[in-house]
């Protein structure tokens, strides 16, 4: 079975959002379907995209679990972004939440310490 995921993030300002997501993800969009959307492929068949939808901007909540949690956070910090919130749960799972210019929350999670 193939699993495809397109996780959308509504934004107000395409230019500001695209620049921020490029900084967060460390690469330019994988493709641009039109003038109001940008798409990043996070892993095979798993995509995160921004779309200009001003009335809905700021309400996305996505967490991506990664096996390279510490390295990824270090790389993001090297590009000038810091998490708005970090947490370690009782079971050892860690999360780091970043907020884009509209307040959308994009988090990264990793296994036990």
PDB file of N, CA and C in Angstrom:
ATOM      1  N   UNK A   1       0.828  -1.173   0.000  1.00  0.00           N
ATOM      2  CA  UNK A   1       0.000   0.000   0.000  1.00  0.00           C
ATOM      3  C   UNK A   1       0.885   1.254   0.000  1.00  0.00           C
ATOM      4  N   UNK A   2       0.567   2.179  -0.864  1.00  0.00           N
ATOM      5  CA  UNK A   2       1.259   3.454  -0.900  1.00  0.00           C
ATOM      6  C   UNK A   2       0.466   4.457  -0.085  1.00  0.00           C
ATOM      7  N   UNK A   3       1.172   5.255   0.685  1.00  0.00           N
ATOM      8  CA  UNK A   3       0.533   6.295   1.479  1.00  0.00           C
ATOM      9  C   UNK A   3       1.050   7.637   1.004  1.00  0.00           C
ATOM     10  N   UNK A   4       0.156   8.477   0.519  1.00  0.00           N
ATOM     11  CA  UNK A   4       0.503   9.833   0.107  1.00  0.00           C
ATOM     12  C   UNK A   4      -0.086  10.804   1.111  1.00  0.00           C
ATOM     13  N   UNK A   5       0.632  11.873   1.381  1.00  0.00           N
ATOM     14  CA  UNK A   5       0.142  12.893   2.304  1.00  0.00           C
ATOM     15  C   UNK A   5       0.430  14.262   1.725  1.00  0.00           C
ATOM     16  N   UNK A   6      -0.589  15.107   1.670  1.00  0.00           N
ATOM     17  CA  UNK A   6      -0.449  16.521   1.339  1.00  0.00           C
ATOM     18  C   UNK A   6      -1.004  17.289   2.526  1.00  0.00           C
ATOM     19  N   UNK A   7      -0.121  17.874   3.325  1.00  0.00           N
ATOM     20  CA  UNK A   7      -0.525  18.639   4.504  1.00  0.00           C
ATOM     21  C   UNK A   7      -0.458  20.117   4.144  1.00  0.00           C
ATOM     22  N   UNK A   8      -1.604  20.782   4.195  1.00  0.00           N
ATOM     23  CA  UNK A   8      -1.692  22.165   3.776  1.00  0.00           C
ATOM     24  C   UNK A   8      -1.570  23.159   4.913  1.00  0.00           C
ATOM     25  N   UNK A   9      -0.987  24.307   4.589  1.00  0.00           N
ATOM     26  CA  UNK A   9      -0.805  25.389   5.543  1.00  0.00           C
ATOM     27  C   UNK A   9      -1.327  26.675   4.895  1.00  0.00           C
ATOM     28  N   UNK A  10      -2.443  27.216   5.392  1.00  0.00           N
ATOM     29  CA  UNK A  10      -2.943  28.475   4.831  1.00  0.00           C
ATOM     30  C   UNK A  10      -2.121  29.667   5.313  1.00  0.00           C
ATOM     31  N   UNK A  11      -1.772  30.542   4.375  1.00  0.00           N
ATOM     32  CA  UNK A  11      -0.946  31.709   4.696  1.00  0.00           C
ATOM     33  C   UNK A  11      -1.571  32.963   4.092  1.00  0.00           C
ATOM     34  N   UNK A  12      -1.124  34.112   4.590  1.00  0.00           N
ATOM     35  CA  UNK A  12      -1.593  35.403   4.066  1.00  0.00           C
ATOM     36  C   UNK A  12      -0.673  35.923   2.959  1.00  0.00           C
ATOM     37  N   UNK A  13       0.625  35.899   3.214  1.00  0.00           N
ATOM     38  CA  UNK A  13       1.607  36.511   2.322  1.00  0.00           C
ATOM     39  C   UNK A  13       2.484  35.411   1.732  1.00  0.00           C
ATOM     40  N   UNK A  14       2.310  35.143   0.459  1.00  0.00           N
ATOM     41  CA  UNK A  14       3.036  34.056  -0.209  1.00  0.00           C
ATOM     42  C   UNK A  14       4.549  34.238  -0.104  1.00  0.00           C
ATOM     43  N   UNK A  15       5.032  35.420  -0.405  1.00  0.00           N
ATOM     44  CA  UNK A  15       6.481  35.662  -0.438  1.00  0.00           C
ATOM     45  C   UNK A  15       7.106  35.446   0.934  1.00  0.00           C
ATOM     46  N   UNK A  16       6.504  36.022   1.968  1.00  0.00           N
ATOM     47  CA  UNK A  16       7.040  35.871   3.328  1.00  0.00           C
ATOM     48  C   UNK A  16       6.972  34.421   3.783  1.00  0.00           C
ATOM     49  N   UNK A  17       5.856  33.755   3.522  1.00  0.00           N
ATOM     50  CA  UNK A  17       5.692  32.361   3.948  1.00  0.00           C
ATOM     51  C   UNK A  17       6.666  31.448   3.210  1.00  0.00           C
ATOM     52  N   UNK A  18       6.788  31.619   1.900  1.00  0.00           N
ATOM     53  CA  UNK A  18       7.693  30.757   1.130  1.00  0.00           C
ATOM     54  C   UNK A  18       9.130  30.907   1.622  1.00  0.00           C
ATOM     55  N   UNK A  19       9.538  32.128   1.915  1.00  0.00           N
ATOM     56  CA  UNK A  19      10.900  32.352   2.423  1.00  0.00           C
ATOM     57  C   UNK A  19      11.082  31.683   3.784  1.00  0.00           C
ATOM     58  N   UNK A  20      10.084  31.795   4.660  1.00  0.00           N
ATOM     59  CA  UNK A  20      10.184  31.200   5.994  1.00  0.00           C
ATOM     60  C   UNK A  20      10.248  29.671   5.908  1.00  0.00           C
ATOM     61  N   UNK A  21       9.405  29.063   5.087  1.00  0.00           N
ATOM     62  CA  UNK A  21       9.412  27.600   4.971  1.00  0.00           C
ATOM     63  C   UNK A  21      10.700  27.105   4.315  1.00  0.00           C
ATOM     64  N   UNK A  22      11.246  27.873   3.405  1.00  0.00           N
ATOM     65  CA  UNK A  22      12.534  27.506   2.824  1.00  0.00           C
ATOM     66  C   UNK A  22      13.620  27.546   3.903  1.00  0.00           C
ATOM     67  N   UNK A  23      13.552  28.532   4.793  1.00  0.00           N
ATOM     68  CA  UNK A  23      14.501  28.621   5.900  1.00  0.00           C
ATOM     69  C   UNK A  23      14.302  27.449   6.865  1.00  0.00           C
ATOM     70  N   UNK A  24      13.060  27.134   7.193  1.00  0.00           N
ATOM     71  CA  UNK A  24      12.774  26.029   8.103  1.00  0.00           C
ATOM     72  C   UNK A  24      13.211  24.689   7.523  1.00  0.00           C
ATOM     73  N   UNK A  25      12.862  24.455   6.275  1.00  0.00           N
ATOM     74  CA  UNK A  25      13.089  23.141   5.666  1.00  0.00           C
ATOM     75  C   UNK A  25      14.456  23.008   4.993  1.00  0.00           C
ATOM     76  N   UNK A  26      15.148  24.131   4.806  1.00  0.00           N
ATOM     77  CA  UNK A  26      16.506  24.075   4.285  1.00  0.00           C
ATOM     78  C   UNK A  26      16.633  23.880   2.794  1.00  0.00           C
ATOM     79  N   UNK A  27      15.549  24.091   2.069  1.00  0.00           N
ATOM     80  CA  UNK A  27      15.611  23.946   0.613  1.00  0.00           C
ATOM     81  C   UNK A  27      14.441  24.673  -0.025  1.00  0.00           C
ATOM     82  N   UNK A  28      14.577  25.017  -1.298  1.00  0.00           N
ATOM     83  CA  UNK A  28      13.462  25.657  -1.993  1.00  0.00           C
ATOM     84  C   UNK A  28      12.329  24.655  -2.210  1.00  0.00           C
ATOM     85  N   UNK A  29      11.160  25.138  -2.573  1.00  0.00           N
ATOM     86  CA  UNK A  29      10.039  24.222  -2.828  1.00  0.00           C
ATOM     87  C   UNK A  29      10.406  23.168  -3.872  1.00  0.00           C
ATOM     88  N   UNK A  30       9.809  22.010  -3.723  1.00  0.00           N
ATOM     89  CA  UNK A  30      10.003  20.927  -4.692  1.00  0.00           C
ATOM     90  C   UNK A  30       9.319  21.256  -6.010  1.00  0.00           C
ATOM     91  N   UNK A  31       8.159  21.922  -5.908  1.00  0.00           N
ATOM     92  CA  UNK A  31       7.490  22.396  -7.109  1.00  0.00           C
ATOM     93  C   UNK A  31       6.488  23.483  -6.744  1.00  0.00           C
ATOM     94  N   UNK A  32       6.134  24.264  -7.762  1.00  0.00           N
ATOM     95  CA  UNK A  32       5.208  25.385  -7.613  1.00  0.00           C
ATOM     96  C   UNK A  32       4.021  25.137  -8.545  1.00  0.00           C
ATOM     97  N   UNK A  33       2.892  24.658  -8.013  1.00  0.00           N
ATOM     98  CA  UNK A  33       1.769  24.332  -8.885  1.00  0.00           C
ATOM     99  C   UNK A  33       1.096  25.546  -9.525  1.00  0.00           C
ATOM    100  N   UNK A  34       1.194  26.710  -8.857  1.00  0.00           N
ATOM    101  CA  UNK A  34       0.590  27.939  -9.391  1.00  0.00           C
ATOM    102  C   UNK A  34       1.174  29.124  -8.616  1.00  0.00           C
ATOM    103  N   UNK A  35       0.602  30.312  -8.815  1.00  0.00           N
ATOM    104  CA  UNK A  35       1.140  31.528  -8.186  1.00  0.00           C
ATOM    105  C   UNK A  35       0.807  31.672  -6.703  1.00  0.00           C
ATOM    106  N   UNK A  36      -0.033  30.796  -6.159  1.00  0.00           N
ATOM    107  CA  UNK A  36      -0.446  30.941  -4.759  1.00  0.00           C
ATOM    108  C   UNK A  36      -0.091  29.734  -3.899  1.00  0.00           C
ATOM    109  N   UNK A  37       0.662  28.779  -4.454  1.00  0.00           N
ATOM    110  CA  UNK A  37       1.034  27.578  -3.708  1.00  0.00           C
ATOM    111  C   UNK A  37       2.514  27.242  -3.925  1.00  0.00           C
ATOM    112  N   UNK A  38       3.110  26.665  -2.892  1.00  0.00           N
ATOM    113  CA  UNK A  38       4.467  26.119  -2.976  1.00  0.00           C
ATOM    114  C   UNK A  38       4.449  24.797  -2.217  1.00  0.00           C
ATOM    115  N   UNK A  39       5.135  23.802  -2.749  1.00  0.00           N
ATOM    116  CA  UNK A  39       5.079  22.446  -2.198  1.00  0.00           C
ATOM    117  C   UNK A  39       6.489  21.933  -1.926  1.00  0.00           C
ATOM    118  N   UNK A  40       6.688  21.382  -0.713  1.00  0.00           N
ATOM    119  CA  UNK A  40       7.948  20.741  -0.342  1.00  0.00           C
ATOM    120  C   UNK A  40       7.687  19.260  -0.139  1.00  0.00           C
ATOM    121  N   UNK A  41       8.523  18.409  -0.748  1.00  0.00           N
ATOM    122  CA  UNK A  41       8.428  16.971  -0.507  1.00  0.00           C
ATOM    123  C   UNK A  41       9.336  16.658   0.679  1.00  0.00           C
ATOM    124  N   UNK A  42       8.721  16.252   1.797  1.00  0.00           N
ATOM    125  CA  UNK A  42       9.464  15.954   3.015  1.00  0.00           C
ATOM    126  C   UNK A  42      10.062  14.553   2.978  1.00  0.00           C
ATOM    127  N   UNK A  43       9.373  13.653   2.338  1.00  0.00           N
ATOM    128  CA  UNK A  43       9.800  12.264   2.129  1.00  0.00           C
ATOM    129  C   UNK A  43       8.964  11.756   0.960  1.00  0.00           C
ATOM    130  N   UNK A  44       9.321  10.612   0.448  1.00  0.00           N
ATOM    131  CA  UNK A  44       8.595  10.102  -0.706  1.00  0.00           C
ATOM    132  C   UNK A  44       7.091  10.040  -0.420  1.00  0.00           C
ATOM    133  N   UNK A  45       6.333  10.681  -1.291  1.00  0.00           N
ATOM    134  CA  UNK A  45       4.871  10.703  -1.198  1.00  0.00           C
ATOM    135  C   UNK A  45       4.332  11.474   0.009  1.00  0.00           C
ATOM    136  N   UNK A  46       5.145  12.303   0.635  1.00  0.00           N
ATOM    137  CA  UNK A  46       4.719  13.074   1.802  1.00  0.00           C
ATOM    138  C   UNK A  46       5.128  14.529   1.600  1.00  0.00           C
ATOM    139  N   UNK A  47       4.118  15.381   1.483  1.00  0.00           N
ATOM    140  CA  UNK A  47       4.329  16.761   1.094  1.00  0.00           C
ATOM    141  C   UNK A  47       3.732  17.728   2.109  1.00  0.00           C
ATOM    142  N   UNK A  48       4.381  18.875   2.238  1.00  0.00           N
ATOM    143  CA  UNK A  48       3.865  19.997   3.007  1.00  0.00           C
ATOM    144  C   UNK A  48       3.735  21.141   2.018  1.00  0.00           C
ATOM    145  N   UNK A  49       2.572  21.792   2.004  1.00  0.00           N
ATOM    146  CA  UNK A  49       2.409  22.891   1.064  1.00  0.00           C
ATOM    147  C   UNK A  49       1.792  24.100   1.737  1.00  0.00           C
ATOM    148  N   UNK A  50       2.167  25.268   1.212  1.00  0.00           N
ATOM    149  CA  UNK A  50       1.534  26.510   1.636  1.00  0.00           C
ATOM    150  C   UNK A  50       0.582  26.938   0.532  1.00  0.00           C
ATOM    151  N   UNK A  51      -0.486  27.604   0.937  1.00  0.00           N
ATOM    152  CA  UNK A  51      -1.438  28.142  -0.026  1.00  0.00           C
ATOM    153  C   UNK A  51      -1.980  29.454   0.526  1.00  0.00           C
ATOM    154  N   UNK A  52      -2.062  30.453  -0.338  1.00  0.00           N
ATOM    155  CA  UNK A  52      -2.590  31.740   0.087  1.00  0.00           C
ATOM    156  C   UNK A  52      -4.102  31.601   0.286  1.00  0.00           C
ATOM    157  N   UNK A  53      -4.495  31.622   1.555  1.00  0.00           N
ATOM    158  CA  UNK A  53      -5.896  31.574   1.981  1.00  0.00           C
ATOM    159  C   UNK A  53      -6.004  32.484   3.208  1.00  0.00           C
ATOM    160  N   UNK A  54      -6.026  33.795   3.005  1.00  0.00           N
ATOM    161  CA  UNK A  54      -5.923  34.736   4.124  1.00  0.00           C
ATOM    162  C   UNK A  54      -6.942  34.518   5.244  1.00  0.00           C
ATOM    163  N   UNK A  55      -8.156  34.160   4.916  1.00  0.00           N
ATOM    164  CA  UNK A  55      -9.179  33.991   5.952  1.00  0.00           C
ATOM    165  C   UNK A  55      -8.932  32.776   6.837  1.00  0.00           C
ATOM    166  N   UNK A  56      -8.108  31.848   6.379  1.00  0.00           N
ATOM    167  CA  UNK A  56      -7.833  30.620   7.145  1.00  0.00           C
ATOM    168  C   UNK A  56      -6.424  30.587   7.711  1.00  0.00           C
ATOM    169  N   UNK A  57      -5.617  31.587   7.400  1.00  0.00           N
ATOM    170  CA  UNK A  57      -4.206  31.608   7.810  1.00  0.00           C
ATOM    171  C   UNK A  57      -4.063  31.589   9.329  1.00  0.00           C
ATOM    172  N   UNK A  58      -3.024  30.895   9.790  1.00  0.00           N
ATOM    173  CA  UNK A  58      -2.690  30.886  11.207  1.00  0.00           C
ATOM    174  C   UNK A  58      -3.307  29.769  12.018  1.00  0.00           C
ATOM    175  N   UNK A  59      -4.002  28.833  11.380  1.00  0.00           N
ATOM    176  CA  UNK A  59      -4.698  27.790  12.126  1.00  0.00           C
ATOM    177  C   UNK A  59      -4.148  26.382  11.916  1.00  0.00           C
ATOM    178  N   UNK A  60      -3.068  26.223  11.168  1.00  0.00           N
ATOM    179  CA  UNK A  60      -2.514  24.889  10.912  1.00  0.00           C
ATOM    180  C   UNK A  60      -1.723  24.396  12.123  1.00  0.00           C
ATOM    181  N   UNK A  61      -1.811  23.103  12.359  1.00  0.00           N
ATOM    182  CA  UNK A  61      -1.067  22.424  13.420  1.00  0.00           C
ATOM    183  C   UNK A  61      -0.554  21.111  12.846  1.00  0.00           C
ATOM    184  N   UNK A  62       0.727  21.066  12.498  1.00  0.00           N
ATOM    185  CA  UNK A  62       1.311  19.851  11.931  1.00  0.00           C
ATOM    186  C   UNK A  62       2.566  19.490  12.699  1.00  0.00           C
ATOM    187  N   UNK A  63       2.754  18.198  12.940  1.00  0.00           N
ATOM    188  CA  UNK A  63       3.988  17.700  13.540  1.00  0.00           C
ATOM    189  C   UNK A  63       4.526  16.586  12.659  1.00  0.00           C
ATOM    190  N   UNK A  64       5.798  16.684  12.329  1.00  0.00           N
ATOM    191  CA  UNK A  64       6.480  15.698  11.506  1.00  0.00           C
ATOM    192  C   UNK A  64       7.470  14.966  12.404  1.00  0.00           C
ATOM    193  N   UNK A  65       7.345  13.650  12.505  1.00  0.00           N
ATOM    194  CA  UNK A  65       8.282  12.872  13.315  1.00  0.00           C
ATOM    195  C   UNK A  65       9.464  12.461  12.445  1.00  0.00           C
ATOM    196  N   UNK A  66      10.671  12.675  12.983  1.00  0.00           N
ATOM    197  CA  UNK A  66      11.897  12.431  12.233  1.00  0.00           C
ATOM    198  C   UNK A  66      12.864  11.594  13.069  1.00  0.00           C
ATOM    199  N   UNK A  67      13.717  10.846  12.387  1.00  0.00           N
ATOM    200  CA  UNK A  67      14.695  10.024  13.100  1.00  0.00           C
ATOM    201  C   UNK A  67      15.963  10.808  13.431  1.00  0.00           C
ATOM    202  N   UNK A  68      16.127  11.967  12.809  1.00  0.00           N
ATOM    203  CA  UNK A  68      17.329  12.788  13.024  1.00  0.00           C
ATOM    204  C   UNK A  68      16.987  14.071  13.800  1.00  0.00           C
ATOM    205  N   UNK A  69      16.193  13.944  14.822  1.00  0.00           N
ATOM    206  CA  UNK A  69      15.646  15.080  15.561  1.00  0.00           C
ATOM    207  C   UNK A  69      16.722  16.105  15.945  1.00  0.00           C
ATOM    208  N   UNK A  70      17.756  15.677  16.648  1.00  0.00           N
ATOM    209  CA  UNK A  70      18.779  16.616  17.115  1.00  0.00           C
ATOM    210  C   UNK A  70      19.522  17.283  15.959  1.00  0.00           C
ATOM    211  N   UNK A  71      19.899  16.503  14.967  1.00  0.00           N
ATOM    212  CA  UNK A  71      20.602  17.063  13.812  1.00  0.00           C
ATOM    213  C   UNK A  71      19.714  18.045  13.055  1.00  0.00           C
ATOM    214  N   UNK A  72      18.455  17.710  12.919  1.00  0.00           N
ATOM    215  CA  UNK A  72      17.519  18.586  12.204  1.00  0.00           C
ATOM    216  C   UNK A  72      17.355  19.912  12.936  1.00  0.00           C
ATOM    217  N   UNK A  73      17.178  19.854  14.258  1.00  0.00           N
ATOM    218  CA  UNK A  73      17.027  21.093  15.023  1.00  0.00           C
ATOM    219  C   UNK A  73      18.294  21.939  14.954  1.00  0.00           C
ATOM    220  N   UNK A  74      19.445  21.299  14.979  1.00  0.00           N
ATOM    221  CA  UNK A  74      20.702  22.031  14.866  1.00  0.00           C
ATOM    222  C   UNK A  74      20.804  22.713  13.497  1.00  0.00           C
ATOM    223  N   UNK A  75      20.391  22.021  12.451  1.00  0.00           N
ATOM    224  CA  UNK A  75      20.436  22.606  11.110  1.00  0.00           C
ATOM    225  C   UNK A  75      19.474  23.786  10.998  1.00  0.00           C
ATOM    226  N   UNK A  76      18.292  23.642  11.570  1.00  0.00           N
ATOM    227  CA  UNK A  76      17.313  24.738  11.548  1.00  0.00           C
ATOM    228  C   UNK A  76      17.863  25.932  12.324  1.00  0.00           C
ATOM    229  N   UNK A  77      18.462  25.682  13.478  1.00  0.00           N
ATOM    230  CA  UNK A  77      19.064  26.761  14.270  1.00  0.00           C
ATOM    231  C   UNK A  77      20.169  27.447  13.463  1.00  0.00           C
ATOM    232  N   UNK A  78      20.928  26.680  12.712  1.00  0.00           N
ATOM    233  CA  UNK A  78      21.980  27.237  11.880  1.00  0.00           C
ATOM    234  C   UNK A  78      21.444  28.144  10.782  1.00  0.00           C
ATOM    235  N   UNK A  79      20.178  27.946  10.434  1.00  0.00           N
ATOM    236  CA  UNK A  79      19.539  28.804   9.434  1.00  0.00           C
ATOM    237  C   UNK A  79      18.785  29.963  10.093  1.00  0.00           C
ATOM    238  N   UNK A  80      18.942  30.097  11.416  1.00  0.00           N
ATOM    239  CA  UNK A  80      18.419  31.274  12.096  1.00  0.00           C
ATOM    240  C   UNK A  80      17.045  31.161  12.723  1.00  0.00           C
ATOM    241  N   UNK A  81      16.496  29.951  12.827  1.00  0.00           N
ATOM    242  CA  UNK A  81      15.182  29.796  13.456  1.00  0.00           C
ATOM    243  C   UNK A  81      15.306  29.023  14.765  1.00  0.00           C
ATOM    244  N   UNK A  82      14.523  29.422  15.736  1.00  0.00           N
ATOM    245  CA  UNK A  82      14.473  28.728  17.026  1.00  0.00           C
ATOM    246  C   UNK A  82      13.037  28.311  17.299  1.00  0.00           C
ATOM    247  N   UNK A  83      12.848  27.178  17.966  1.00  0.00           N
ATOM    248  CA  UNK A  83      11.481  26.762  18.282  1.00  0.00           C
ATOM    249  C   UNK A  83      10.811  27.751  19.234  1.00  0.00           C
ATOM    250  N   UNK A  84       9.517  27.915  19.047  1.00  0.00           N
ATOM    251  CA  UNK A  84       8.724  28.737  19.957  1.00  0.00           C
ATOM    252  C   UNK A  84       8.461  27.978  21.248  1.00  0.00           C
ATOM    253  N   UNK A  85       8.478  26.644  21.144  1.00  0.00           N
ATOM    254  CA  UNK A  85       8.176  25.798  22.298  1.00  0.00           C
ATOM    255  C   UNK A  85       8.818  24.430  22.085  1.00  0.00           C
ATOM    256  N   UNK A  86       9.412  23.889  23.124  1.00  0.00           N
ATOM    257  CA  UNK A  86       9.973  22.529  23.097  1.00  0.00           C
ATOM    258  C   UNK A  86       9.467  21.788  24.316  1.00  0.00           C
ATOM    259  N   UNK A  87       9.348  20.481  24.175  1.00  0.00           N
ATOM    260  CA  UNK A  87       8.847  19.686  25.292  1.00  0.00           C
ATOM    261  C   UNK A  87       9.373  18.260  25.192  1.00  0.00           C
ATOM    262  N   UNK A  88       9.601  17.656  26.348  1.00  0.00           N
ATOM    263  CA  UNK A  88       9.920  16.234  26.428  1.00  0.00           C
ATOM    264  C   UNK A  88       8.833  15.586  27.269  1.00  0.00           C
ATOM    265  N   UNK A  89       8.169  14.608  26.690  1.00  0.00           N
ATOM    266  CA  UNK A  89       7.074  13.920  27.368  1.00  0.00           C
ATOM    267  C   UNK A  89       7.616  12.836  28.293  1.00  0.00           C
ATOM    268  N   UNK A  90       6.785  12.352  29.191  1.00  0.00           N
ATOM    269  CA  UNK A  90       7.177  11.327  30.159  1.00  0.00           C
ATOM    270  C   UNK A  90       7.752  10.079  29.496  1.00  0.00           C
ATOM    271  N   UNK A  91       7.290   9.774  28.279  1.00  0.00           N
ATOM    272  CA  UNK A  91       7.766   8.577  27.580  1.00  0.00           C
ATOM    273  C   UNK A  91       9.066   8.829  26.803  1.00  0.00           C
ATOM    274  N   UNK A  92       9.628  10.057  26.907  1.00  0.00           N
ATOM    275  CA  UNK A  92      10.881  10.379  26.248  1.00  0.00           C
ATOM    276  C   UNK A  92      10.753  10.999  24.874  1.00  0.00           C
ATOM    277  N   UNK A  93       9.550  11.042  24.324  1.00  0.00           N
ATOM    278  CA  UNK A  93       9.339  11.671  23.028  1.00  0.00           C
ATOM    279  C   UNK A  93       9.524  13.179  23.180  1.00  0.00           C
ATOM    280  N   UNK A  94      10.236  13.767  22.228  1.00  0.00           N
ATOM    281  CA  UNK A  94      10.512  15.205  22.263  1.00  0.00           C
ATOM    282  C   UNK A  94       9.838  15.899  21.086  1.00  0.00           C
ATOM    283  N   UNK A  95       9.428  17.134  21.301  1.00  0.00           N
ATOM    284  CA  UNK A  95       8.866  17.938  20.223  1.00  0.00           C
ATOM    285  C   UNK A  95       9.465  19.338  20.266  1.00  0.00           C
ATOM    286  N   UNK A  96       9.517  19.946  19.106  1.00  0.00           N
ATOM    287  CA  UNK A  96       9.936  21.340  18.965  1.00  0.00           C
ATOM    288  C   UNK A  96       8.951  21.981  17.996  1.00  0.00           C
ATOM    289  N   UNK A  97       8.282  23.039  18.444  1.00  0.00           N
ATOM    290  CA  UNK A  97       7.250  23.697  17.655  1.00  0.00           C
ATOM    291  C   UNK A  97       7.774  25.036  17.143  1.00  0.00           C
ATOM    292  N   UNK A  98       7.634  25.240  15.850  1.00  0.00           N
ATOM    293  CA  UNK A  98       8.000  26.496  15.205  1.00  0.00           C
ATOM    294  C   UNK A  98       6.718  27.172  14.738  1.00  0.00           C
ATOM    295  N   UNK A  99       6.712  28.495  14.753  1.00  0.00           N
ATOM    296  CA  UNK A  99       5.546  29.249  14.274  1.00  0.00           C
ATOM    297  C   UNK A  99       5.961  30.104  13.080  1.00  0.00           C
ATOM    298  N   UNK A 100       5.202  29.963  11.998  1.00  0.00           N
ATOM    299  CA  UNK A 100       5.480  30.759  10.806  1.00  0.00           C
ATOM    300  C   UNK A 100       4.975  32.189  10.997  1.00  0.00           C
ATOM    301  N   UNK A 101       5.176  33.078  10.025  1.00  0.00           N
ATOM    302  CA  UNK A 101       4.763  34.474  10.193  1.00  0.00           C
ATOM    303  C   UNK A 101       3.264  34.663  10.476  1.00  0.00           C
ATOM    304  N   UNK A 102       2.428  33.694  10.109  1.00  0.00           N
ATOM    305  CA  UNK A 102       0.991  33.780  10.370  1.00  0.00           C
ATOM    306  C   UNK A 102       0.577  33.120  11.676  1.00  0.00           C
ATOM    307  N   UNK A 103       1.502  32.434  12.335  1.00  0.00           N
ATOM    308  CA  UNK A 103       1.184  31.741  13.574  1.00  0.00           C
ATOM    309  C   UNK A 103       0.876  30.261  13.394  1.00  0.00           C
ATOM    310  N   UNK A 104       0.939  29.747  12.165  1.00  0.00           N
ATOM    311  CA  UNK A 104       0.776  28.306  11.956  1.00  0.00           C
ATOM    312  C   UNK A 104       1.877  27.577  12.712  1.00  0.00           C
ATOM    313  N   UNK A 105       1.548  26.438  13.301  1.00  0.00           N
ATOM    314  CA  UNK A 105       2.521  25.665  14.069  1.00  0.00           C
ATOM    315  C   UNK A 105       3.000  24.466  13.256  1.00  0.00           C
ATOM    316  N   UNK A 106       4.305  24.431  13.051  1.00  0.00           N
ATOM    317  CA  UNK A 106       4.944  23.300  12.378  1.00  0.00           C
ATOM    318  C   UNK A 106       5.922  22.727  13.376  1.00  0.00           C
ATOM    319  N   UNK A 107       5.679  21.489  13.777  1.00  0.00           N
ATOM    320  CA  UNK A 107       6.515  20.869  14.784  1.00  0.00           C
ATOM    321  C   UNK A 107       7.308  19.709  14.238  1.00  0.00           C
ATOM    322  N   UNK A 108       8.392  19.420  14.949  1.00  0.00           N
ATOM    323  CA  UNK A 108       9.170  18.222  14.665  1.00  0.00           C
ATOM    324  C   UNK A 108       9.201  17.413  15.941  1.00  0.00           C
ATOM    325  N   UNK A 109       9.062  16.110  15.814  1.00  0.00           N
ATOM    326  CA  UNK A 109       9.095  15.224  16.953  1.00  0.00           C
ATOM    327  C   UNK A 109      10.143  14.153  16.750  1.00  0.00           C
ATOM    328  N   UNK A 110      10.639  13.644  17.861  1.00  0.00           N
ATOM    329  CA  UNK A 110      11.649  12.594  17.801  1.00  0.00           C
ATOM    330  C   UNK A 110      11.480  11.620  18.926  1.00  0.00           C
ATOM    331  N   UNK A 111      12.058  10.465  18.745  1.00  0.00           N
ATOM    332  CA  UNK A 111      11.949   9.391  19.720  1.00  0.00           C
ATOM    333  C   UNK A 111      12.556   9.713  21.071  1.00  0.00           C
ATOM    334  N   UNK A 112      12.507   8.748  21.942  1.00  0.00           N
ATOM    335  CA  UNK A 112      13.023   8.952  23.304  1.00  0.00           C
ATOM    336  C   UNK A 112      14.479   9.395  23.299  1.00  0.00           C
ATOM    337  N   UNK A 113      14.815  10.145  24.335  1.00  0.00           N
ATOM    338  CA  UNK A 113      16.168  10.677  24.503  1.00  0.00           C
ATOM    339  C   UNK A 113      17.147   9.546  24.658  1.00  0.00           C
TER     340      UNK A 113
END
